N, C-alpha and C. Protein backbone atom coordinates (compact mmCIF):
# COMPACT_ATOMS: atom_id res chain seq x y z
N GLN A 1 0.85 -1.19 0.00
CA GLN A 1 0.00 0.00 0.00
C GLN A 1 0.88 1.24 0.00
N VAL A 2 0.64 2.10 -0.96
CA VAL A 2 1.41 3.33 -1.09
C VAL A 2 0.66 4.46 -0.39
N GLN A 3 1.37 5.21 0.41
CA GLN A 3 0.78 6.39 1.05
C GLN A 3 1.55 7.64 0.61
N LEU A 4 0.79 8.67 0.30
CA LEU A 4 1.37 9.92 -0.18
C LEU A 4 0.83 11.06 0.68
N VAL A 5 1.72 11.88 1.18
CA VAL A 5 1.32 13.00 2.04
C VAL A 5 1.92 14.28 1.49
N GLU A 6 1.04 15.17 1.02
CA GLU A 6 1.47 16.45 0.48
C GLU A 6 1.58 17.50 1.57
N SER A 7 2.44 18.46 1.34
CA SER A 7 2.57 19.61 2.24
C SER A 7 3.15 20.78 1.45
N GLY A 8 3.09 21.96 2.06
CA GLY A 8 3.70 23.13 1.44
C GLY A 8 2.73 24.10 0.81
N GLY A 9 1.45 23.77 0.79
CA GLY A 9 0.49 24.70 0.23
C GLY A 9 0.27 25.89 1.14
N GLY A 10 -0.49 26.85 0.64
CA GLY A 10 -0.78 28.04 1.44
C GLY A 10 -1.28 29.18 0.60
N LEU A 11 -1.28 30.36 1.21
CA LEU A 11 -1.73 31.58 0.54
C LEU A 11 -0.50 32.36 0.09
N VAL A 12 -0.49 32.77 -1.16
CA VAL A 12 0.63 33.52 -1.71
C VAL A 12 0.11 34.59 -2.66
N GLN A 13 0.82 35.69 -2.74
CA GLN A 13 0.42 36.76 -3.64
C GLN A 13 0.80 36.44 -5.08
N PRO A 14 0.10 37.01 -6.04
CA PRO A 14 0.49 36.81 -7.44
C PRO A 14 1.96 37.18 -7.66
N GLY A 15 2.65 36.34 -8.42
CA GLY A 15 4.07 36.52 -8.65
C GLY A 15 4.95 35.83 -7.64
N GLY A 16 4.35 35.32 -6.59
CA GLY A 16 5.10 34.64 -5.54
C GLY A 16 5.43 33.20 -5.89
N SER A 17 6.06 32.52 -4.92
CA SER A 17 6.50 31.15 -5.11
C SER A 17 6.08 30.26 -3.94
N LEU A 18 5.92 29.00 -4.24
CA LEU A 18 5.68 27.97 -3.23
C LEU A 18 6.38 26.70 -3.69
N LYS A 19 6.76 25.88 -2.72
CA LYS A 19 7.32 24.57 -3.04
C LYS A 19 6.51 23.52 -2.32
N LEU A 20 5.88 22.66 -3.11
CA LEU A 20 5.10 21.55 -2.56
C LEU A 20 5.98 20.32 -2.40
N SER A 21 5.68 19.55 -1.38
CA SER A 21 6.38 18.30 -1.14
C SER A 21 5.37 17.17 -1.05
N CYS A 22 5.81 15.98 -1.44
CA CYS A 22 4.98 14.78 -1.35
C CYS A 22 5.85 13.66 -0.81
N ALA A 23 5.63 13.34 0.46
CA ALA A 23 6.39 12.27 1.09
C ALA A 23 5.69 10.94 0.85
N ALA A 24 6.42 10.01 0.30
CA ALA A 24 5.86 8.70 -0.06
C ALA A 24 6.35 7.62 0.89
N SER A 25 5.48 6.65 1.12
CA SER A 25 5.85 5.46 1.89
C SER A 25 5.17 4.25 1.27
N GLY A 26 5.77 3.09 1.46
CA GLY A 26 5.20 1.87 0.92
C GLY A 26 5.73 1.50 -0.45
N SER A 27 6.43 2.43 -1.09
CA SER A 27 7.01 2.17 -2.41
C SER A 27 8.08 3.21 -2.69
N SER A 28 9.07 2.81 -3.46
CA SER A 28 10.13 3.75 -3.82
C SER A 28 9.70 4.60 -5.01
N ILE A 29 9.76 5.93 -4.84
CA ILE A 29 9.28 6.80 -5.93
C ILE A 29 10.21 6.72 -7.14
N SER A 30 11.44 6.28 -6.95
CA SER A 30 12.37 6.24 -8.07
C SER A 30 11.92 5.26 -9.14
N GLY A 31 11.13 4.26 -8.76
CA GLY A 31 10.69 3.26 -9.71
C GLY A 31 9.28 3.46 -10.21
N ASN A 32 8.66 4.57 -9.82
CA ASN A 32 7.27 4.83 -10.17
C ASN A 32 7.12 6.03 -11.08
N LEU A 33 6.04 6.05 -11.82
CA LEU A 33 5.63 7.26 -12.52
C LEU A 33 4.96 8.15 -11.48
N MET A 34 5.54 9.31 -11.22
CA MET A 34 5.03 10.24 -10.22
C MET A 34 4.50 11.49 -10.92
N ALA A 35 3.47 12.07 -10.34
CA ALA A 35 2.88 13.24 -10.98
C ALA A 35 2.21 14.16 -9.97
N TRP A 36 1.99 15.38 -10.40
CA TRP A 36 1.19 16.36 -9.67
C TRP A 36 -0.04 16.68 -10.52
N TYR A 37 -1.18 16.67 -9.88
CA TYR A 37 -2.43 17.09 -10.48
C TYR A 37 -2.97 18.25 -9.66
N ARG A 38 -3.94 18.95 -10.21
CA ARG A 38 -4.62 19.97 -9.44
C ARG A 38 -6.10 20.02 -9.83
N GLN A 39 -6.89 20.54 -8.91
CA GLN A 39 -8.31 20.70 -9.17
C GLN A 39 -8.77 22.03 -8.59
N ALA A 40 -9.21 22.89 -9.47
CA ALA A 40 -9.74 24.19 -9.06
C ALA A 40 -11.23 24.06 -8.81
N PRO A 41 -11.80 24.96 -8.01
CA PRO A 41 -13.24 24.90 -7.73
C PRO A 41 -14.07 24.90 -9.00
N GLY A 42 -14.97 23.95 -9.11
CA GLY A 42 -15.86 23.89 -10.26
C GLY A 42 -15.23 23.36 -11.52
N LYS A 43 -13.99 22.91 -11.43
CA LYS A 43 -13.30 22.41 -12.62
C LYS A 43 -12.87 20.96 -12.41
N GLU A 44 -12.55 20.30 -13.54
CA GLU A 44 -12.07 18.93 -13.45
C GLU A 44 -10.61 18.90 -13.03
N ARG A 45 -10.23 17.76 -12.47
CA ARG A 45 -8.85 17.57 -12.09
C ARG A 45 -7.98 17.53 -13.36
N GLU A 46 -6.79 18.16 -13.30
CA GLU A 46 -5.94 18.21 -14.48
C GLU A 46 -4.49 17.93 -14.12
N LEU A 47 -3.77 17.38 -15.08
CA LEU A 47 -2.36 17.07 -14.89
C LEU A 47 -1.54 18.35 -14.92
N VAL A 48 -0.62 18.46 -13.97
CA VAL A 48 0.29 19.61 -13.91
C VAL A 48 1.67 19.24 -14.44
N ALA A 49 2.22 18.15 -13.92
CA ALA A 49 3.55 17.71 -14.32
C ALA A 49 3.74 16.26 -13.91
N ARG A 50 4.63 15.57 -14.61
CA ARG A 50 4.91 14.19 -14.25
C ARG A 50 6.37 13.86 -14.53
N ILE A 51 6.86 12.86 -13.84
CA ILE A 51 8.25 12.43 -14.01
C ILE A 51 8.26 10.91 -14.01
N THR A 52 8.94 10.33 -15.00
CA THR A 52 8.98 8.88 -15.14
C THR A 52 10.16 8.31 -14.35
N PRO A 53 10.20 6.98 -14.21
CA PRO A 53 11.36 6.37 -13.53
C PRO A 53 12.68 6.69 -14.23
N PHE A 54 12.62 7.03 -15.52
CA PHE A 54 13.83 7.36 -16.26
C PHE A 54 14.07 8.88 -16.29
N SER A 55 13.34 9.58 -15.44
CA SER A 55 13.49 11.04 -15.28
C SER A 55 13.06 11.83 -16.50
N LEU A 56 12.19 11.26 -17.32
CA LEU A 56 11.57 12.04 -18.38
C LEU A 56 10.46 12.87 -17.76
N ILE A 57 10.39 14.14 -18.15
CA ILE A 57 9.46 15.08 -17.50
C ILE A 57 8.55 15.71 -18.53
N ASP A 58 7.28 15.84 -18.16
CA ASP A 58 6.29 16.55 -18.96
C ASP A 58 5.61 17.59 -18.09
N TYR A 59 5.30 18.73 -18.70
CA TYR A 59 4.54 19.78 -18.03
C TYR A 59 3.32 20.14 -18.85
N ALA A 60 2.26 20.53 -18.15
CA ALA A 60 1.13 21.13 -18.85
C ALA A 60 1.57 22.48 -19.41
N ALA A 61 0.99 22.85 -20.51
CA ALA A 61 1.41 24.08 -21.20
C ALA A 61 1.27 25.30 -20.30
N TYR A 62 0.26 25.30 -19.44
CA TYR A 62 -0.02 26.49 -18.65
C TYR A 62 0.94 26.67 -17.47
N VAL A 63 1.83 25.68 -17.22
CA VAL A 63 2.81 25.84 -16.15
C VAL A 63 4.25 25.77 -16.68
N GLN A 64 4.38 25.47 -17.96
CA GLN A 64 5.71 25.37 -18.57
C GLN A 64 6.51 26.64 -18.34
N GLY A 65 7.72 26.48 -17.82
CA GLY A 65 8.58 27.62 -17.56
C GLY A 65 8.39 28.26 -16.19
N ARG A 66 7.33 27.88 -15.49
CA ARG A 66 7.07 28.44 -14.16
C ARG A 66 7.20 27.40 -13.06
N PHE A 67 6.82 26.16 -13.35
CA PHE A 67 6.84 25.09 -12.37
C PHE A 67 7.96 24.10 -12.70
N THR A 68 8.51 23.49 -11.64
CA THR A 68 9.54 22.47 -11.82
C THR A 68 9.24 21.28 -10.92
N ILE A 69 9.13 20.10 -11.54
CA ILE A 69 8.94 18.87 -10.79
C ILE A 69 10.30 18.22 -10.56
N SER A 70 10.49 17.67 -9.36
CA SER A 70 11.75 17.00 -9.05
C SER A 70 11.50 15.97 -7.96
N ARG A 71 12.48 15.14 -7.73
CA ARG A 71 12.35 14.14 -6.66
C ARG A 71 13.69 13.93 -5.99
N ASP A 72 13.61 13.56 -4.74
CA ASP A 72 14.79 13.18 -3.94
C ASP A 72 14.59 11.73 -3.57
N ASN A 73 15.29 10.87 -4.27
CA ASN A 73 15.09 9.43 -4.05
C ASN A 73 15.51 9.02 -2.64
N ALA A 74 16.53 9.66 -2.11
CA ALA A 74 17.00 9.31 -0.77
C ALA A 74 15.94 9.61 0.29
N LYS A 75 15.19 10.70 0.06
CA LYS A 75 14.12 11.07 0.99
C LYS A 75 12.77 10.50 0.57
N ASN A 76 12.76 9.85 -0.59
CA ASN A 76 11.50 9.29 -1.13
C ASN A 76 10.41 10.36 -1.19
N THR A 77 10.80 11.51 -1.70
CA THR A 77 9.93 12.67 -1.73
C THR A 77 9.91 13.31 -3.11
N LEU A 78 8.71 13.67 -3.52
CA LEU A 78 8.48 14.37 -4.79
C LEU A 78 8.22 15.84 -4.48
N TYR A 79 8.69 16.72 -5.37
CA TYR A 79 8.52 18.16 -5.16
C TYR A 79 7.89 18.83 -6.37
N LEU A 80 7.30 19.98 -6.11
CA LEU A 80 6.84 20.84 -7.19
C LEU A 80 7.18 22.28 -6.80
N GLN A 81 8.18 22.84 -7.46
CA GLN A 81 8.53 24.23 -7.25
C GLN A 81 7.67 25.08 -8.17
N MET A 82 6.94 26.02 -7.59
CA MET A 82 6.02 26.85 -8.35
C MET A 82 6.44 28.31 -8.23
N ASN A 83 6.79 28.90 -9.34
CA ASN A 83 7.22 30.30 -9.38
C ASN A 83 6.25 31.12 -10.21
N ASN A 84 6.31 32.42 -10.01
CA ASN A 84 5.45 33.34 -10.76
C ASN A 84 4.00 32.88 -10.74
N LEU A 85 3.52 32.61 -9.55
CA LEU A 85 2.16 32.08 -9.42
C LEU A 85 1.12 33.11 -9.83
N LYS A 86 0.05 32.60 -10.41
CA LYS A 86 -1.05 33.43 -10.89
C LYS A 86 -2.34 33.03 -10.17
N PRO A 87 -3.31 33.93 -10.12
CA PRO A 87 -4.57 33.59 -9.46
C PRO A 87 -5.21 32.32 -10.03
N GLU A 88 -5.02 32.08 -11.31
CA GLU A 88 -5.62 30.89 -11.92
C GLU A 88 -4.91 29.60 -11.51
N ASP A 89 -3.80 29.71 -10.78
CA ASP A 89 -3.14 28.52 -10.24
C ASP A 89 -3.79 28.06 -8.93
N THR A 90 -4.75 28.82 -8.45
CA THR A 90 -5.45 28.45 -7.22
C THR A 90 -6.17 27.13 -7.41
N ALA A 91 -5.86 26.17 -6.53
CA ALA A 91 -6.43 24.83 -6.66
C ALA A 91 -5.94 23.98 -5.50
N VAL A 92 -6.53 22.80 -5.39
CA VAL A 92 -5.97 21.76 -4.53
C VAL A 92 -5.00 20.95 -5.39
N TYR A 93 -3.80 20.80 -4.89
CA TYR A 93 -2.76 20.08 -5.62
C TYR A 93 -2.57 18.68 -5.02
N TYR A 94 -2.57 17.69 -5.90
CA TYR A 94 -2.47 16.30 -5.49
C TYR A 94 -1.22 15.65 -6.06
N CYS A 95 -0.62 14.82 -5.26
CA CYS A 95 0.51 13.99 -5.67
C CYS A 95 -0.03 12.61 -6.03
N THR A 96 0.51 11.99 -7.08
CA THR A 96 0.09 10.65 -7.46
C THR A 96 1.31 9.77 -7.72
N ALA A 97 1.08 8.48 -7.53
CA ALA A 97 2.10 7.48 -7.84
C ALA A 97 1.42 6.33 -8.57
N PHE A 98 1.98 5.95 -9.73
CA PHE A 98 1.44 4.83 -10.48
C PHE A 98 2.41 3.67 -10.33
N THR A 99 1.95 2.61 -9.68
CA THR A 99 2.80 1.46 -9.44
C THR A 99 1.93 0.23 -9.25
N GLY A 100 2.45 -0.91 -9.73
CA GLY A 100 1.71 -2.15 -9.59
C GLY A 100 0.35 -2.13 -10.27
N GLY A 101 0.23 -1.31 -11.30
CA GLY A 101 -1.02 -1.24 -12.03
C GLY A 101 -2.09 -0.40 -11.36
N ARG A 102 -1.73 0.29 -10.31
CA ARG A 102 -2.69 1.13 -9.59
C ARG A 102 -2.18 2.56 -9.50
N LEU A 103 -3.12 3.48 -9.43
CA LEU A 103 -2.81 4.89 -9.26
C LEU A 103 -3.21 5.30 -7.85
N TYR A 104 -2.23 5.78 -7.11
CA TYR A 104 -2.46 6.22 -5.74
C TYR A 104 -2.47 7.74 -5.68
N TRP A 105 -3.34 8.27 -4.80
CA TRP A 105 -3.48 9.71 -4.64
C TRP A 105 -3.18 10.12 -3.21
N GLY A 106 -2.61 11.29 -3.07
CA GLY A 106 -2.50 11.89 -1.76
C GLY A 106 -3.80 12.61 -1.40
N GLN A 107 -3.81 13.24 -0.23
CA GLN A 107 -5.04 13.90 0.23
C GLN A 107 -5.17 15.32 -0.33
N GLY A 108 -4.08 15.83 -0.88
CA GLY A 108 -4.12 17.16 -1.48
C GLY A 108 -3.68 18.26 -0.54
N THR A 109 -3.18 19.34 -1.13
CA THR A 109 -2.81 20.53 -0.36
C THR A 109 -3.32 21.76 -1.11
N GLN A 110 -3.91 22.68 -0.37
CA GLN A 110 -4.54 23.85 -0.99
C GLN A 110 -3.50 24.91 -1.29
N VAL A 111 -3.56 25.42 -2.52
CA VAL A 111 -2.75 26.56 -2.94
C VAL A 111 -3.70 27.68 -3.36
N THR A 112 -3.55 28.82 -2.73
CA THR A 112 -4.39 29.97 -3.04
C THR A 112 -3.50 31.14 -3.42
N VAL A 113 -3.74 31.67 -4.61
CA VAL A 113 -2.97 32.81 -5.11
C VAL A 113 -3.90 34.01 -5.17
N SER A 114 -3.64 34.95 -4.29
CA SER A 114 -4.53 36.10 -4.19
C SER A 114 -3.80 37.26 -3.54
N SER A 115 -4.19 38.47 -3.94
CA SER A 115 -3.63 39.66 -3.32
C SER A 115 -4.53 40.15 -2.21
């Protein structure tokens, strides 16, 4: 059983930065497809960024150049560095791990971008 615990969300002004963390247990993130999703109020959940076991990375177009996904295998932790945040980035951000044919989700962390 894989458990994912996100942290690092909060309230930030437009143009600010936040770094989200996702601590994993029950499986090594280095061997899994890991990703960040987000869901804004009234909208469907959407992919933000993902990283494969071979460190191939994809970003959604709307975060390209502003967000950076990374992982620390020693800490078994996934990160999302978010810079130049915009009000439309306001959402609950979720960490996921795909392993053993199953997709696991964290509980989410709220990010609010507002002045």
